[in-house]
Structure formats: C-alpha cells, structure tokens
N, C-alpha and C. Protein backbone atom coordinates (compact mmCIF):
# COMPACT_ATOMS: atom_id res chain seq x y z
N MET A 1 14.40 0.55 -12.57
CA MET A 1 13.41 -0.43 -12.17
C MET A 1 13.96 -1.20 -10.97
N THR A 2 13.20 -1.20 -9.88
CA THR A 2 13.63 -1.94 -8.70
C THR A 2 13.10 -3.37 -8.76
N GLU A 3 13.67 -4.22 -7.96
CA GLU A 3 13.22 -5.62 -7.89
C GLU A 3 11.77 -5.71 -7.42
N ILE A 4 11.41 -4.86 -6.48
CA ILE A 4 10.03 -4.87 -5.97
C ILE A 4 9.06 -4.47 -7.07
N ASN A 5 9.39 -3.44 -7.83
CA ASN A 5 8.52 -3.04 -8.95
C ASN A 5 8.32 -4.20 -9.91
N LYS A 6 9.41 -4.90 -10.20
CA LYS A 6 9.36 -6.03 -11.13
C LYS A 6 8.45 -7.14 -10.59
N GLU A 7 8.59 -7.44 -9.30
CA GLU A 7 7.76 -8.50 -8.69
C GLU A 7 6.28 -8.11 -8.69
N ILE A 8 6.00 -6.87 -8.37
CA ILE A 8 4.60 -6.40 -8.37
C ILE A 8 4.05 -6.45 -9.79
N GLY A 9 4.86 -6.04 -10.76
CA GLY A 9 4.44 -6.12 -12.15
C GLY A 9 4.13 -7.54 -12.58
N GLN A 10 4.95 -8.49 -12.15
CA GLN A 10 4.71 -9.90 -12.48
C GLN A 10 3.41 -10.40 -11.86
N ARG A 11 3.15 -10.00 -10.61
CA ARG A 11 1.89 -10.42 -9.97
C ARG A 11 0.69 -9.78 -10.65
N LEU A 12 0.84 -8.53 -11.08
CA LEU A 12 -0.24 -7.86 -11.82
C LEU A 12 -0.50 -8.59 -13.13
N ALA A 13 0.55 -8.94 -13.84
CA ALA A 13 0.40 -9.66 -15.12
C ALA A 13 -0.29 -11.00 -14.88
N LYS A 14 0.09 -11.69 -13.82
CA LYS A 14 -0.51 -12.99 -13.49
C LYS A 14 -2.00 -12.82 -13.20
N ARG A 15 -2.34 -11.80 -12.42
CA ARG A 15 -3.75 -11.57 -12.08
C ARG A 15 -4.56 -11.16 -13.30
N LEU A 16 -3.99 -10.40 -14.18
CA LEU A 16 -4.68 -10.07 -15.43
C LEU A 16 -4.98 -11.34 -16.22
N ALA A 17 -3.99 -12.21 -16.32
CA ALA A 17 -4.17 -13.47 -17.06
C ALA A 17 -5.24 -14.33 -16.42
N ILE A 18 -5.22 -14.43 -15.10
CA ILE A 18 -6.20 -15.25 -14.38
C ILE A 18 -7.61 -14.71 -14.62
N SER A 19 -7.73 -13.39 -14.65
CA SER A 19 -9.05 -12.78 -14.83
C SER A 19 -9.51 -12.80 -16.29
N GLY A 20 -8.61 -13.18 -17.20
CA GLY A 20 -8.96 -13.22 -18.62
C GLY A 20 -9.00 -11.85 -19.27
N LYS A 21 -8.36 -10.88 -18.63
CA LYS A 21 -8.36 -9.52 -19.15
C LYS A 21 -6.97 -9.17 -19.67
N THR A 22 -6.93 -8.24 -20.60
CA THR A 22 -5.67 -7.83 -21.22
C THR A 22 -5.20 -6.49 -20.66
N GLN A 23 -3.97 -6.14 -21.01
CA GLN A 23 -3.47 -4.82 -20.64
C GLN A 23 -4.32 -3.73 -21.28
N ALA A 24 -4.77 -3.97 -22.50
CA ALA A 24 -5.62 -2.99 -23.19
C ALA A 24 -6.95 -2.82 -22.45
N ASP A 25 -7.52 -3.93 -21.97
CA ASP A 25 -8.76 -3.85 -21.19
C ASP A 25 -8.55 -3.00 -19.94
N LEU A 26 -7.43 -3.24 -19.27
CA LEU A 26 -7.14 -2.49 -18.04
C LEU A 26 -6.93 -1.02 -18.35
N ALA A 27 -6.21 -0.72 -19.42
CA ALA A 27 -5.98 0.68 -19.80
C ALA A 27 -7.30 1.40 -20.05
N ALA A 28 -8.21 0.73 -20.76
CA ALA A 28 -9.52 1.34 -21.04
C ALA A 28 -10.29 1.57 -19.75
N TYR A 29 -10.28 0.57 -18.86
CA TYR A 29 -11.00 0.69 -17.59
C TYR A 29 -10.43 1.82 -16.73
N MET A 30 -9.11 1.93 -16.72
CA MET A 30 -8.44 2.93 -15.89
C MET A 30 -8.40 4.30 -16.56
N ASN A 31 -8.85 4.36 -17.82
CA ASN A 31 -8.80 5.61 -18.58
C ASN A 31 -7.37 6.16 -18.63
N THR A 32 -6.46 5.25 -18.97
CA THR A 32 -5.05 5.61 -19.08
C THR A 32 -4.49 4.99 -20.35
N SER A 33 -3.28 5.27 -20.64
CA SER A 33 -2.67 4.74 -21.87
C SER A 33 -2.21 3.30 -21.68
N GLN A 34 -2.13 2.59 -22.80
CA GLN A 34 -1.60 1.23 -22.75
C GLN A 34 -0.13 1.25 -22.33
N ALA A 35 0.57 2.33 -22.65
CA ALA A 35 1.97 2.46 -22.25
C ALA A 35 2.10 2.51 -20.72
N SER A 36 1.17 3.20 -20.06
CA SER A 36 1.20 3.25 -18.59
C SER A 36 1.01 1.86 -18.00
N VAL A 37 0.03 1.14 -18.52
CA VAL A 37 -0.22 -0.21 -18.02
C VAL A 37 0.98 -1.11 -18.30
N SER A 38 1.57 -0.98 -19.46
CA SER A 38 2.76 -1.74 -19.80
C SER A 38 3.90 -1.43 -18.83
N ASN A 39 4.05 -0.17 -18.46
CA ASN A 39 5.07 0.22 -17.48
C ASN A 39 4.81 -0.43 -16.13
N TRP A 40 3.55 -0.52 -15.72
CA TRP A 40 3.21 -1.18 -14.45
C TRP A 40 3.55 -2.67 -14.51
N VAL A 41 3.12 -3.32 -15.58
CA VAL A 41 3.32 -4.76 -15.73
C VAL A 41 4.80 -5.11 -15.86
N ASN A 42 5.56 -4.24 -16.50
CA ASN A 42 6.99 -4.50 -16.69
C ASN A 42 7.84 -3.99 -15.53
N GLY A 43 7.22 -3.41 -14.52
CA GLY A 43 7.95 -2.96 -13.34
C GLY A 43 8.72 -1.68 -13.53
N VAL A 44 8.45 -0.96 -14.60
CA VAL A 44 9.12 0.32 -14.83
C VAL A 44 8.62 1.36 -13.83
N LYS A 45 7.32 1.35 -13.61
CA LYS A 45 6.68 2.26 -12.65
C LYS A 45 5.64 1.49 -11.86
N LEU A 46 5.28 2.05 -10.71
CA LEU A 46 4.20 1.48 -9.90
C LEU A 46 3.00 2.42 -9.95
N PRO A 47 1.80 1.85 -10.04
CA PRO A 47 0.62 2.71 -9.95
C PRO A 47 0.45 3.21 -8.51
N ARG A 48 -0.18 4.37 -8.35
CA ARG A 48 -0.49 4.87 -7.01
C ARG A 48 -1.47 3.91 -6.33
N MET A 49 -1.55 4.00 -5.02
CA MET A 49 -2.38 3.08 -4.24
C MET A 49 -3.85 3.17 -4.65
N ASP A 50 -4.36 4.36 -4.94
CA ASP A 50 -5.76 4.47 -5.35
C ASP A 50 -5.98 3.75 -6.68
N LYS A 51 -4.97 3.77 -7.55
CA LYS A 51 -5.08 3.06 -8.81
C LYS A 51 -4.98 1.55 -8.59
N ILE A 52 -4.15 1.13 -7.67
CA ILE A 52 -4.06 -0.30 -7.35
C ILE A 52 -5.42 -0.80 -6.88
N ASP A 53 -6.10 -0.01 -6.06
CA ASP A 53 -7.43 -0.41 -5.60
C ASP A 53 -8.41 -0.55 -6.76
N ARG A 54 -8.36 0.36 -7.72
CA ARG A 54 -9.23 0.27 -8.90
C ARG A 54 -8.86 -0.93 -9.77
N ILE A 55 -7.57 -1.19 -9.90
CA ILE A 55 -7.11 -2.36 -10.65
C ILE A 55 -7.67 -3.63 -10.01
N CYS A 56 -7.59 -3.70 -8.69
CA CYS A 56 -8.08 -4.87 -7.98
C CYS A 56 -9.58 -5.06 -8.18
N GLU A 57 -10.32 -3.98 -8.17
CA GLU A 57 -11.76 -4.07 -8.45
C GLU A 57 -11.99 -4.65 -9.84
N PHE A 58 -11.22 -4.20 -10.79
CA PHE A 58 -11.38 -4.62 -12.18
C PHE A 58 -11.06 -6.10 -12.38
N ILE A 59 -9.99 -6.57 -11.76
CA ILE A 59 -9.58 -7.96 -11.99
C ILE A 59 -10.05 -8.91 -10.90
N GLY A 60 -10.75 -8.37 -9.90
CA GLY A 60 -11.35 -9.23 -8.88
C GLY A 60 -10.36 -9.86 -7.92
N CYS A 61 -9.49 -9.04 -7.36
CA CYS A 61 -8.55 -9.57 -6.37
C CYS A 61 -8.39 -8.55 -5.25
N ASN A 62 -7.62 -8.91 -4.26
CA ASN A 62 -7.32 -8.01 -3.14
C ASN A 62 -6.02 -7.28 -3.40
N ARG A 63 -5.87 -6.15 -2.76
CA ARG A 63 -4.64 -5.37 -2.87
C ARG A 63 -3.42 -6.23 -2.53
N SER A 64 -3.54 -7.03 -1.51
CA SER A 64 -2.41 -7.87 -1.08
C SER A 64 -2.02 -8.90 -2.14
N ASP A 65 -2.96 -9.29 -3.00
CA ASP A 65 -2.65 -10.25 -4.06
C ASP A 65 -1.63 -9.68 -5.04
N ILE A 66 -1.60 -8.38 -5.17
CA ILE A 66 -0.66 -7.73 -6.08
C ILE A 66 0.59 -7.26 -5.34
N LEU A 67 0.41 -6.76 -4.13
CA LEU A 67 1.53 -6.15 -3.42
C LEU A 67 2.39 -7.12 -2.62
N ILE A 68 1.82 -8.24 -2.21
CA ILE A 68 2.54 -9.17 -1.33
C ILE A 68 2.69 -10.51 -2.02
N GLU A 69 3.88 -11.05 -1.99
CA GLU A 69 4.11 -12.36 -2.59
C GLU A 69 3.37 -13.41 -1.78
N ALA A 70 2.58 -14.21 -2.47
CA ALA A 70 1.82 -15.27 -1.81
C ALA A 70 2.76 -16.38 -1.36
N PRO A 71 2.54 -16.90 -0.16
CA PRO A 71 3.37 -18.01 0.29
C PRO A 71 3.02 -19.27 -0.49
N LEU A 72 3.92 -20.21 -0.50
CA LEU A 72 3.59 -21.48 -1.12
C LEU A 72 2.42 -22.07 -0.35
N PRO A 73 1.40 -22.52 -1.04
CA PRO A 73 0.17 -22.93 -0.39
C PRO A 73 0.34 -23.99 0.70
N PHE A 74 1.18 -24.98 0.49
CA PHE A 74 1.29 -26.05 1.46
C PHE A 74 2.57 -25.96 2.28
N ALA A 75 3.23 -24.80 2.26
CA ALA A 75 4.51 -24.66 2.95
C ALA A 75 4.40 -25.02 4.43
N ASP A 76 3.28 -24.66 5.07
CA ASP A 76 3.13 -24.97 6.49
C ASP A 76 2.23 -26.19 6.71
N GLY A 77 1.90 -26.89 5.64
CA GLY A 77 1.05 -28.07 5.76
C GLY A 77 -0.41 -27.73 6.04
N GLY A 78 -0.77 -26.48 5.98
CA GLY A 78 -2.14 -26.07 6.33
C GLY A 78 -3.10 -26.14 5.16
N MET A 79 -4.08 -27.00 5.27
CA MET A 79 -5.08 -27.11 4.21
C MET A 79 -5.93 -25.84 4.10
N THR A 80 -6.24 -25.21 5.22
CA THR A 80 -7.04 -24.00 5.19
C THR A 80 -6.31 -22.89 4.45
N ARG A 81 -5.03 -22.77 4.70
CA ARG A 81 -4.23 -21.75 4.03
C ARG A 81 -4.21 -22.00 2.52
N ALA A 82 -4.04 -23.25 2.13
CA ALA A 82 -4.02 -23.61 0.71
C ALA A 82 -5.38 -23.32 0.08
N PHE A 83 -6.45 -23.66 0.79
CA PHE A 83 -7.79 -23.39 0.26
C PHE A 83 -7.97 -21.90 0.01
N HIS A 84 -7.62 -21.08 0.99
CA HIS A 84 -7.77 -19.63 0.83
C HIS A 84 -6.96 -19.12 -0.35
N TYR A 85 -5.76 -19.63 -0.51
CA TYR A 85 -4.90 -19.19 -1.61
C TYR A 85 -5.55 -19.52 -2.95
N TYR A 86 -5.91 -20.78 -3.15
CA TYR A 86 -6.45 -21.19 -4.44
C TYR A 86 -7.85 -20.61 -4.69
N PHE A 87 -8.67 -20.54 -3.65
CA PHE A 87 -10.01 -19.98 -3.78
C PHE A 87 -9.91 -18.52 -4.22
N GLY A 88 -8.93 -17.79 -3.69
CA GLY A 88 -8.74 -16.39 -4.04
C GLY A 88 -8.37 -16.18 -5.50
N LEU A 89 -7.83 -17.20 -6.14
CA LEU A 89 -7.44 -17.08 -7.55
C LEU A 89 -8.61 -17.28 -8.50
N LEU A 90 -9.71 -17.83 -7.99
CA LEU A 90 -10.86 -18.13 -8.85
C LEU A 90 -11.68 -16.88 -9.15
N ASN A 91 -12.35 -16.88 -10.31
CA ASN A 91 -13.30 -15.82 -10.60
C ASN A 91 -14.60 -16.12 -9.83
N MET A 92 -15.52 -15.17 -9.80
CA MET A 92 -16.72 -15.31 -8.98
C MET A 92 -17.56 -16.52 -9.38
N GLU A 93 -17.68 -16.76 -10.66
CA GLU A 93 -18.48 -17.90 -11.13
C GLU A 93 -17.92 -19.22 -10.59
N ASN A 94 -16.60 -19.37 -10.65
CA ASN A 94 -15.99 -20.61 -10.16
C ASN A 94 -16.00 -20.69 -8.64
N LYS A 95 -15.95 -19.55 -7.96
CA LYS A 95 -16.09 -19.57 -6.49
C LYS A 95 -17.45 -20.12 -6.10
N GLU A 96 -18.49 -19.71 -6.84
CA GLU A 96 -19.83 -20.21 -6.56
C GLU A 96 -19.92 -21.72 -6.79
N LYS A 97 -19.25 -22.21 -7.83
CA LYS A 97 -19.23 -23.65 -8.11
C LYS A 97 -18.54 -24.41 -6.98
N VAL A 98 -17.42 -23.86 -6.50
CA VAL A 98 -16.71 -24.51 -5.40
C VAL A 98 -17.60 -24.58 -4.16
N LEU A 99 -18.30 -23.52 -3.86
CA LEU A 99 -19.20 -23.53 -2.70
C LEU A 99 -20.31 -24.56 -2.87
N ASP A 100 -20.84 -24.68 -4.07
CA ASP A 100 -21.88 -25.70 -4.32
C ASP A 100 -21.31 -27.10 -4.12
N ILE A 101 -20.10 -27.33 -4.60
CA ILE A 101 -19.46 -28.64 -4.43
C ILE A 101 -19.22 -28.93 -2.96
N MET A 102 -18.77 -27.93 -2.22
CA MET A 102 -18.53 -28.12 -0.79
C MET A 102 -19.82 -28.47 -0.05
N LYS A 103 -20.90 -27.79 -0.40
CA LYS A 103 -22.20 -28.09 0.24
C LYS A 103 -22.63 -29.51 -0.07
N ALA A 104 -22.45 -29.94 -1.32
CA ALA A 104 -22.81 -31.31 -1.71
C ALA A 104 -21.96 -32.33 -0.96
N LEU A 105 -20.68 -32.05 -0.82
CA LEU A 105 -19.79 -32.96 -0.09
C LEU A 105 -20.17 -33.05 1.38
N LEU A 106 -20.52 -31.91 1.98
CA LEU A 106 -20.95 -31.93 3.38
C LEU A 106 -22.24 -32.71 3.56
N LEU A 107 -23.16 -32.54 2.64
CA LEU A 107 -24.41 -33.28 2.71
C LEU A 107 -24.15 -34.78 2.58
N ALA A 108 -23.31 -35.15 1.63
CA ALA A 108 -22.97 -36.57 1.45
C ALA A 108 -22.24 -37.11 2.67
N GLN A 109 -21.36 -36.33 3.24
CA GLN A 109 -20.60 -36.75 4.42
C GLN A 109 -21.54 -36.98 5.60
N ASN A 110 -22.47 -36.05 5.79
CA ASN A 110 -23.42 -36.18 6.90
C ASN A 110 -24.35 -37.35 6.69
N THR A 111 -24.77 -37.57 5.45
CA THR A 111 -25.64 -38.70 5.13
C THR A 111 -24.88 -40.00 5.36
N GLU A 112 -23.64 -40.04 4.95
CA GLU A 112 -22.79 -41.22 5.12
C GLU A 112 -22.62 -41.51 6.62
N GLY A 113 -22.39 -40.45 7.39
CA GLY A 113 -22.23 -40.61 8.83
C GLY A 113 -23.49 -41.14 9.48
N ASP A 114 -24.67 -40.71 9.01
CA ASP A 114 -25.94 -41.20 9.53
C ASP A 114 -26.10 -42.69 9.26
N LYS A 115 -25.66 -43.13 8.09
CA LYS A 115 -25.78 -44.55 7.72
C LYS A 115 -24.88 -45.43 8.57
N LYS A 116 -23.75 -44.87 9.00
CA LYS A 116 -22.79 -45.64 9.82
C LYS A 116 -23.16 -45.57 11.30
N GLY A 117 -24.14 -44.75 11.63
CA GLY A 117 -24.53 -44.61 13.02
C GLY A 117 -23.64 -43.67 13.79
N VAL A 118 -23.01 -42.78 13.09
CA VAL A 118 -22.11 -41.83 13.73
C VAL A 118 -22.91 -40.67 14.27
C-alpha cells in the first residue's frame, strides 16, 4: 500500500460519509464486491479511472475531490476559494438552499442600498 493509495482511500471514505452512503451501497452500485470497495477505501488498491468516474457520479463529487488533496480553504485568504471548497461538499438539496439564501441576501443588500441612497 502506497501513501498515495492511502490518501485517496481516505478522501473516498470522507466523500462516502458526506454523501450519506456506505461501502455496501457503493459496492452494489458498482456491481462489485464489498471487499473491493474496502480495498479502495483502505488504500490497498486503487480503482481504475473509469470506476473513479462512476464512483464520483454515485456520491456526487468531482474526480479531483478524490484524487487531489483539497487545499485549506482559507490558506490564501480567498473567500471565493473557500466558498467553492465548502459548496462542493454539499449535496444537491443543500446547494439549492445555499443558492436561495444567496439570492435573498443579494435582494436584501440591494434593497438596503436603495434605502441609503446608494
């Protein structure tokens, strides 16, 4: 087991947890054994790239979310970078809620600006 395999396995496990899905769910979706999924999560083996793409579809993330270590969100002080990082971790339902909240905040901000004569 290489260090990279272990890190990818940890990110896969994290993404499974975030999506609320189990290793058994993934095994069923991938039509593979639970032992294979366990090997991926534990860094014993890596899935082929086509399987990584199917895994990403199943858990709702991008290939890079599993293959590349995410930078610390505020490491460069960038709010946009942090937003993209955290937004990417949300499921679709919560992404829609965030967008609704952002629209409401923009409307309130614009209304507030109109009241101040801005």
